[in-house]
Amino acid sequence: MLPAVWVTFLKYARTYLVCLWLAAALLSTEAHAAERSPDGTSGPHHAEARVTAVTIIDDRIRDLTVRSPAMGTTIPVRVILPASWRTKPKATFPVLYMFHGGDDDYTSWVRETDVEELARDSDVLIVMPDAGRAGYYSDWFAGAPRWETFHTVELVRLMEKKYRASPSRAIVGLSMGGFGALNYAAHNRGMFRYVASMSSYVDLNDSAVRLELSLGTWREGIDIREVWGDPVDNAEVWQAHNPAAMPRSFRGTHVHLSAGSSKPGPLDTGRPHDVLLVSMLGEAPLSKQTKRFARSLRSAGVDVTTHVYTPGTHSWPYWQNELHAIWPTVMKSLG
């Protein structure tokens, strides 16, 4: 028989080892949980985007350099701070996300419109991220880039954590950016109170849209199949990024759609003939599919408004006018 002192020692040693085993198991479980995304799939979703540099453009505008785990690189983001950003240091603010079109970048809204002047008295945080010249606001079928994850997960969290963004959000986009705005609203029901799409393709099944997409990606040295896979073999992926195929997904969000007739007017005066021709062709297929999509949305019980105007080409003067027209409604939707 062991001496009493050894019995006591072994009892406590066994208890200690059990505690160590339980602690190791718990840490292992937490580590695996941290490596899983909200839908239960594994991946680096625990890593958060962070601001690595800030450039002051003027009193209200900041250009952020954001390190994105989803993108594996840094992405530029321009923000316009709310009017009372400094006088209300503990307040949170509604957010307006503004998306640029193809062949452009995050500077376009400030460069081409008077959005800063429009926002002079607005207590709204305006966020204008880059999205690539032909990124299509999507997590690509090829695996990278992952624009949608960056915009709707990483950037949203970053704005809430570092720039006092509230859960009240609206989103406005033009051309490729309008397409992205619609997809983000459909994929994230309840995330945005208001979505406006200006001069955007809304139906990927439209033959003219498919031709335009093929030409646009070819111009950038991209195969459209890298974005959503093969249109036939991966049809389900295409339809998951096709606003026209998801009308019910917009319930609860006010949708505004606008497009021009493609006919030039006074706002096109003085433009080079080749530039004017491209802007006419770019707008030509959009008004019909916009009207068709609006009817589908109404049938699905979605709150939708439209503005199909003539004259109107695929160009900034018309988008500037449209921004002014919808601004009061955007601000009202954000509260």
Protein backbone atom coordinates (compact mmCIF):
# COMPACT_ATOMS: atom_id res chain seq x y z
CA MET A 1 0.00 0.00 0.00
CA LEU A 2 1.32 3.48 -0.94
CA PRO A 3 2.03 5.97 1.83
CA ALA A 4 -0.73 8.56 2.37
CA VAL A 5 1.45 11.38 1.04
CA TRP A 6 1.83 9.58 -2.34
CA VAL A 7 -1.91 8.93 -2.57
CA THR A 8 -2.57 12.62 -2.06
CA PHE A 9 0.08 13.57 -4.63
CA LEU A 10 -1.32 11.23 -7.29
CA LYS A 11 -4.88 12.48 -6.73
CA TYR A 12 -3.87 16.09 -7.30
CA ALA A 13 -1.64 15.17 -10.24
CA ARG A 14 -4.52 13.41 -11.95
CA THR A 15 -6.78 16.42 -11.42
CA TYR A 16 -4.10 18.72 -12.83
CA LEU A 17 -3.65 16.60 -15.96
CA VAL A 18 -7.41 16.47 -16.57
CA CYS A 19 -7.57 20.27 -16.34
CA LEU A 20 -4.70 20.58 -18.82
CA TRP A 21 -6.46 18.25 -21.26
CA LEU A 22 -9.73 20.19 -21.01
CA ALA A 23 -7.94 23.51 -21.51
CA ALA A 24 -6.15 22.17 -24.61
CA ALA A 25 -9.42 20.85 -26.05
CA LEU A 26 -11.14 24.19 -25.44
CA LEU A 27 -8.34 26.15 -27.09
CA SER A 28 -8.39 23.79 -30.07
CA THR A 29 -12.16 24.25 -30.45
CA GLU A 30 -11.86 28.04 -30.28
CA ALA A 31 -9.02 28.02 -32.80
CA HIS A 32 -11.09 26.00 -35.29
CA ALA A 33 -14.11 28.26 -34.71
CA ALA A 34 -12.00 31.34 -35.42
CA GLU A 35 -11.04 29.84 -38.77
CA ARG A 36 -14.65 29.37 -39.85
CA SER A 37 -16.86 31.90 -41.54
CA PRO A 38 -20.40 32.73 -40.31
CA ASP A 39 -21.84 30.10 -42.67
CA GLY A 40 -19.66 27.40 -41.15
CA THR A 41 -17.15 27.07 -43.97
CA SER A 42 -13.46 27.31 -43.27
CA GLY A 43 -11.47 30.31 -44.40
CA PRO A 44 -9.52 33.38 -43.27
CA HIS A 45 -12.66 35.35 -42.33
CA HIS A 46 -11.38 36.04 -38.82
CA ALA A 47 -8.84 38.51 -40.25
CA GLU A 48 -10.14 42.06 -40.49
CA ALA A 49 -9.39 44.84 -42.94
CA ARG A 50 -7.37 47.72 -41.54
CA VAL A 51 -6.41 51.23 -42.57
CA THR A 52 -2.69 51.44 -43.25
CA ALA A 53 -2.53 55.04 -44.48
CA VAL A 54 -4.70 58.17 -44.62
CA THR A 55 -4.27 61.04 -47.08
CA ILE A 56 -6.10 64.29 -46.25
CA ILE A 57 -7.56 65.72 -49.46
CA ASP A 58 -9.44 68.62 -47.85
CA ASP A 59 -11.43 69.44 -44.72
CA ARG A 60 -13.92 66.62 -45.27
CA ILE A 61 -12.36 64.19 -47.77
CA ARG A 62 -9.95 61.44 -46.80
CA ASP A 63 -8.32 58.83 -49.02
CA LEU A 64 -7.76 55.61 -47.10
CA THR A 65 -5.39 52.79 -47.98
CA VAL A 66 -7.10 49.65 -46.73
CA ARG A 67 -5.35 46.32 -46.29
CA SER A 68 -7.88 43.65 -47.30
CA PRO A 69 -7.40 40.00 -46.29
CA ALA A 70 -10.06 38.98 -48.85
CA MET A 71 -8.23 40.74 -51.68
CA GLY A 72 -4.74 39.96 -50.44
CA THR A 73 -3.64 43.51 -51.15
CA THR A 74 -4.41 47.16 -50.33
CA ILE A 75 -7.45 48.89 -51.82
CA PRO A 76 -7.99 52.68 -51.96
CA VAL A 77 -11.19 54.05 -50.46
CA ARG A 78 -12.33 57.69 -50.51
CA VAL A 79 -14.59 58.96 -47.74
CA ILE A 80 -16.45 62.21 -47.18
CA LEU A 81 -16.86 62.80 -43.46
CA PRO A 82 -20.24 63.83 -42.00
CA ALA A 83 -20.85 67.55 -41.42
CA SER A 84 -20.73 67.20 -37.62
CA TRP A 85 -17.92 64.64 -37.52
CA ARG A 86 -15.80 66.82 -35.22
CA THR A 87 -18.52 68.45 -33.14
CA LYS A 88 -20.16 65.11 -32.30
CA PRO A 89 -17.17 62.88 -31.48
CA LYS A 90 -19.30 60.10 -29.96
CA ALA A 91 -22.09 60.04 -32.56
CA THR A 92 -22.59 57.35 -35.18
CA PHE A 93 -23.65 58.28 -38.71
CA PRO A 94 -25.69 56.75 -41.56
CA VAL A 95 -23.61 55.57 -44.51
CA LEU A 96 -23.97 56.13 -48.24
CA TYR A 97 -21.83 53.79 -50.34
CA MET A 98 -21.15 55.06 -53.88
CA PHE A 99 -19.80 52.71 -56.54
CA HIS A 100 -17.95 53.71 -59.70
CA GLY A 101 -18.38 52.29 -63.18
CA GLY A 102 -16.09 50.21 -65.36
CA ASP A 103 -12.80 51.64 -66.66
CA ASP A 104 -12.79 54.04 -63.70
CA ASP A 105 -11.86 54.21 -60.03
CA TYR A 106 -12.77 55.39 -56.53
CA THR A 107 -12.08 59.08 -57.33
CA SER A 108 -14.74 59.33 -60.04
CA TRP A 109 -17.75 60.60 -58.04
CA VAL A 110 -15.80 63.51 -56.56
CA ARG A 111 -13.95 64.13 -59.82
CA GLU A 112 -17.03 64.18 -62.06
CA THR A 113 -19.88 65.43 -59.82
CA ASP A 114 -20.48 67.95 -57.05
CA VAL A 115 -21.27 65.27 -54.47
CA GLU A 116 -19.07 67.01 -51.90
CA GLU A 117 -21.13 70.18 -52.26
CA LEU A 118 -24.35 68.18 -52.10
CA ALA A 119 -23.16 66.63 -48.85
CA ARG A 120 -22.05 69.93 -47.30
CA ASP A 121 -24.78 69.93 -44.64
CA SER A 122 -25.41 66.19 -44.51
CA ASP A 123 -24.61 64.16 -41.40
CA VAL A 124 -23.89 61.13 -43.55
CA LEU A 125 -20.65 59.23 -44.00
CA ILE A 126 -20.03 58.78 -47.73
CA VAL A 127 -17.82 55.83 -48.69
CA MET A 128 -16.45 55.41 -52.23
CA PRO A 129 -14.29 52.27 -52.54
CA ASP A 130 -12.32 51.15 -55.52
CA ALA A 131 -13.66 48.10 -57.35
CA GLY A 132 -11.23 47.51 -60.20
CA ARG A 133 -11.64 48.61 -63.80
CA ALA A 134 -13.48 45.36 -64.56
CA GLY A 135 -14.07 43.76 -61.16
CA TYR A 136 -17.86 43.38 -61.58
CA TYR A 137 -18.39 43.70 -57.82
CA SER A 138 -18.12 39.94 -57.44
CA ASP A 139 -16.13 37.23 -55.72
CA TRP A 140 -14.75 35.69 -58.88
CA PHE A 141 -15.39 32.13 -59.95
CA ALA A 142 -11.64 31.81 -60.47
CA GLY A 143 -11.15 32.35 -56.72
CA ALA A 144 -9.75 35.87 -56.84
CA PRO A 145 -10.32 38.77 -56.67
CA ARG A 146 -13.01 38.82 -53.95
CA TRP A 147 -14.58 42.24 -54.34
CA GLU A 148 -17.95 41.39 -52.79
CA THR A 149 -16.40 40.07 -49.59
CA PHE A 150 -14.23 43.16 -49.32
CA HIS A 151 -17.11 45.60 -49.90
CA THR A 152 -19.95 43.96 -47.99
CA VAL A 153 -18.07 42.33 -45.11
CA GLU A 154 -14.64 43.83 -44.50
CA LEU A 155 -15.35 47.43 -45.48
CA VAL A 156 -18.71 47.58 -43.70
CA ARG A 157 -17.11 46.32 -40.48
CA LEU A 158 -14.16 48.69 -40.85
CA MET A 159 -16.42 51.72 -41.30
CA GLU A 160 -18.41 50.75 -38.20
CA LYS A 161 -15.29 50.14 -36.13
CA LYS A 162 -13.11 53.08 -37.20
CA TYR A 163 -15.43 55.67 -38.76
CA ARG A 164 -18.51 55.46 -36.52
CA ALA A 165 -20.82 54.12 -39.24
CA SER A 166 -24.31 53.16 -38.10
CA PRO A 167 -26.40 50.25 -39.46
CA SER A 168 -28.43 52.70 -41.59
CA ARG A 169 -27.06 52.28 -45.12
CA ALA A 170 -27.86 53.27 -48.71
CA ILE A 171 -26.00 52.44 -51.88
CA VAL A 172 -25.76 54.24 -55.22
CA GLY A 173 -23.89 53.05 -58.30
CA LEU A 174 -23.61 53.77 -61.99
CA SER A 175 -23.01 51.40 -64.91
CA MET A 176 -20.92 48.50 -63.53
CA GLY A 177 -21.31 50.08 -60.07
CA GLY A 178 -25.08 50.10 -60.35
CA PHE A 179 -24.98 46.42 -61.23
CA GLY A 180 -22.85 45.85 -58.15
CA ALA A 181 -25.17 47.87 -55.95
CA LEU A 182 -28.15 45.77 -57.02
CA ASN A 183 -26.33 42.50 -56.45
CA TYR A 184 -25.12 43.55 -53.01
CA ALA A 185 -28.64 44.55 -51.99
CA ALA A 186 -30.07 41.26 -53.27
CA HIS A 187 -27.37 39.13 -51.64
CA ASN A 188 -27.63 40.94 -48.29
CA ARG A 189 -31.32 41.51 -47.61
CA GLY A 190 -31.84 44.20 -45.02
CA MET A 191 -28.31 45.60 -45.27
CA PHE A 192 -29.35 48.62 -47.37
CA ARG A 193 -32.47 50.74 -46.99
CA TYR A 194 -32.12 52.26 -50.46
CA VAL A 195 -30.34 51.22 -53.66
CA ALA A 196 -30.05 53.31 -56.83
CA SER A 197 -28.75 51.95 -60.10
CA MET A 198 -27.93 54.43 -62.88
CA SER A 199 -27.42 53.28 -66.47
CA SER A 200 -26.70 49.72 -65.39
CA TYR A 201 -27.24 46.39 -67.08
CA VAL A 202 -29.74 44.49 -64.95
CA ASP A 203 -30.24 41.30 -66.95
CA LEU A 204 -27.26 39.06 -67.68
CA ASN A 205 -29.45 36.96 -70.00
CA ASP A 206 -29.76 39.87 -72.43
CA SER A 207 -27.64 39.10 -75.51
CA ALA A 208 -26.54 42.73 -75.86
CA VAL A 209 -25.34 42.73 -72.25
CA ARG A 210 -23.38 39.52 -72.74
CA LEU A 211 -21.69 40.99 -75.81
CA GLU A 212 -20.85 44.17 -73.89
CA LEU A 213 -19.44 42.16 -70.98
CA SER A 214 -17.31 40.03 -73.31
CA LEU A 215 -15.92 43.10 -75.06
CA GLY A 216 -15.32 44.93 -71.79
CA THR A 217 -13.40 42.08 -70.18
CA TRP A 218 -11.48 41.36 -73.39
CA ARG A 219 -10.36 45.01 -73.44
CA GLU A 220 -8.93 44.53 -69.93
CA GLY A 221 -7.28 41.21 -70.83
CA ILE A 222 -9.84 39.16 -68.87
CA ASP A 223 -11.94 36.17 -69.87
CA ILE A 224 -15.52 36.70 -68.61
CA ARG A 225 -15.50 33.04 -67.51
CA GLU A 226 -12.98 33.99 -64.82
CA VAL A 227 -15.70 36.12 -63.24
CA TRP A 228 -18.74 33.81 -63.14
CA GLY A 229 -17.62 30.65 -64.90
CA ASP A 230 -18.97 29.35 -68.18
CA PRO A 231 -22.42 30.81 -69.04
CA VAL A 232 -23.78 27.34 -69.79
CA ASP A 233 -21.89 24.97 -67.49
CA ASN A 234 -22.07 27.41 -64.57
CA ALA A 235 -25.44 28.96 -65.34
CA GLU A 236 -26.40 28.91 -61.64
CA VAL A 237 -23.47 31.20 -60.83
CA TRP A 238 -24.50 33.65 -63.54
CA GLN A 239 -28.08 33.70 -62.28
CA ALA A 240 -26.89 34.25 -58.71
CA HIS A 241 -25.33 37.49 -59.98
CA ASN A 242 -28.24 38.45 -62.23
CA PRO A 243 -30.50 41.10 -60.63
CA ALA A 244 -33.34 40.26 -63.03
CA ALA A 245 -33.36 36.68 -61.72
CA MET A 246 -33.77 37.76 -58.07
CA PRO A 247 -36.73 40.20 -57.87
CA ARG A 248 -38.02 38.87 -54.52
CA SER A 249 -34.62 39.45 -52.92
CA PHE A 250 -35.18 43.21 -53.07
CA ARG A 251 -38.19 43.19 -50.76
CA GLY A 252 -37.70 45.63 -47.90
CA THR A 253 -35.35 47.87 -49.90
CA HIS A 254 -36.40 50.89 -51.95
CA VAL A 255 -35.00 50.37 -55.47
CA HIS A 256 -34.47 53.25 -57.90
CA LEU A 257 -33.61 52.50 -61.54
CA SER A 258 -32.66 55.06 -64.18
CA ALA A 259 -31.41 54.93 -67.75
CA GLY A 260 -31.31 57.12 -70.85
CA SER A 261 -32.73 56.56 -74.30
CA SER A 262 -29.21 56.66 -75.86
CA LYS A 263 -30.18 59.69 -77.97
CA PRO A 264 -27.72 62.60 -77.59
CA GLY A 265 -28.90 65.96 -76.36
CA PRO A 266 -27.61 69.39 -75.25
CA LEU A 267 -25.53 67.83 -72.46
CA ASP A 268 -23.51 66.00 -75.14
CA THR A 269 -22.54 69.16 -77.05
CA GLY A 270 -18.85 69.43 -77.80
CA ARG A 271 -17.98 65.82 -77.10
CA PRO A 272 -15.69 64.07 -79.63
CA HIS A 273 -17.67 61.98 -82.13
CA ASP A 274 -15.99 58.69 -81.20
CA VAL A 275 -16.62 59.25 -77.47
CA LEU A 276 -20.21 60.21 -78.15
CA LEU A 277 -20.77 57.10 -80.28
CA VAL A 278 -19.46 54.82 -77.51
CA SER A 279 -21.70 56.48 -74.92
CA MET A 280 -24.73 56.11 -77.20
CA LEU A 281 -24.03 52.42 -77.83
CA GLY A 282 -23.36 51.82 -74.12
CA GLU A 283 -26.79 53.17 -73.14
CA ALA A 284 -28.77 51.70 -76.03
CA PRO A 285 -29.86 48.35 -74.51
CA LEU A 286 -30.50 49.64 -71.00
CA SER A 287 -33.85 51.46 -71.05
CA LYS A 288 -35.88 48.43 -72.20
CA GLN A 289 -34.38 46.03 -69.67
CA THR A 290 -34.72 48.67 -66.93
CA LYS A 291 -38.46 48.96 -67.60
CA ARG A 292 -38.79 45.17 -67.73
CA PHE A 293 -36.92 44.75 -64.45
CA ALA A 294 -39.03 47.44 -62.77
CA ARG A 295 -42.23 45.59 -63.74
CA SER A 296 -40.80 42.39 -62.31
CA LEU A 297 -39.89 44.11 -59.06
CA ARG A 298 -43.36 45.61 -58.67
CA SER A 299 -44.94 42.21 -59.28
CA ALA A 300 -42.75 40.84 -56.48
CA GLY A 301 -43.96 43.54 -54.08
CA VAL A 302 -40.80 45.65 -54.15
CA ASP A 303 -40.92 49.42 -53.59
CA VAL A 304 -39.41 50.70 -56.86
CA THR A 305 -39.14 54.01 -58.71
CA THR A 306 -37.83 54.58 -62.22
CA HIS A 307 -36.55 57.40 -64.38
CA VAL A 308 -36.14 56.55 -68.05
CA TYR A 309 -35.27 59.78 -69.81
CA THR A 310 -34.66 61.14 -73.27
CA PRO A 311 -32.26 62.39 -74.44
CA GLY A 312 -29.64 60.52 -72.46
CA THR A 313 -26.32 58.84 -73.16
CA HIS A 314 -23.91 56.80 -71.05
CA SER A 315 -22.10 59.79 -69.63
CA TRP A 316 -21.47 61.86 -66.51
CA PRO A 317 -23.66 64.93 -67.18
CA TYR A 318 -26.77 62.72 -67.00
CA TRP A 319 -25.54 60.89 -63.88
CA GLN A 320 -24.84 64.23 -62.21
CA ASN A 321 -28.43 65.30 -62.89
CA GLU A 322 -29.74 61.97 -61.60
CA LEU A 323 -27.70 62.28 -58.41
CA HIS A 324 -29.29 65.67 -57.73
CA ALA A 325 -32.75 64.27 -58.44
CA ILE A 326 -32.47 61.36 -56.00
CA TRP A 327 -30.40 63.06 -53.29
CA PRO A 328 -33.33 64.18 -51.08
CA THR A 329 -34.82 60.67 -51.18
CA VAL A 330 -31.47 59.07 -50.37
CA MET A 331 -31.02 61.34 -47.36
CA LYS A 332 -34.58 60.74 -46.21
CA SER A 333 -34.15 56.96 -46.48
CA LEU A 334 -31.08 57.16 -44.24
CA GLY A 335 -32.97 59.15 -41.63
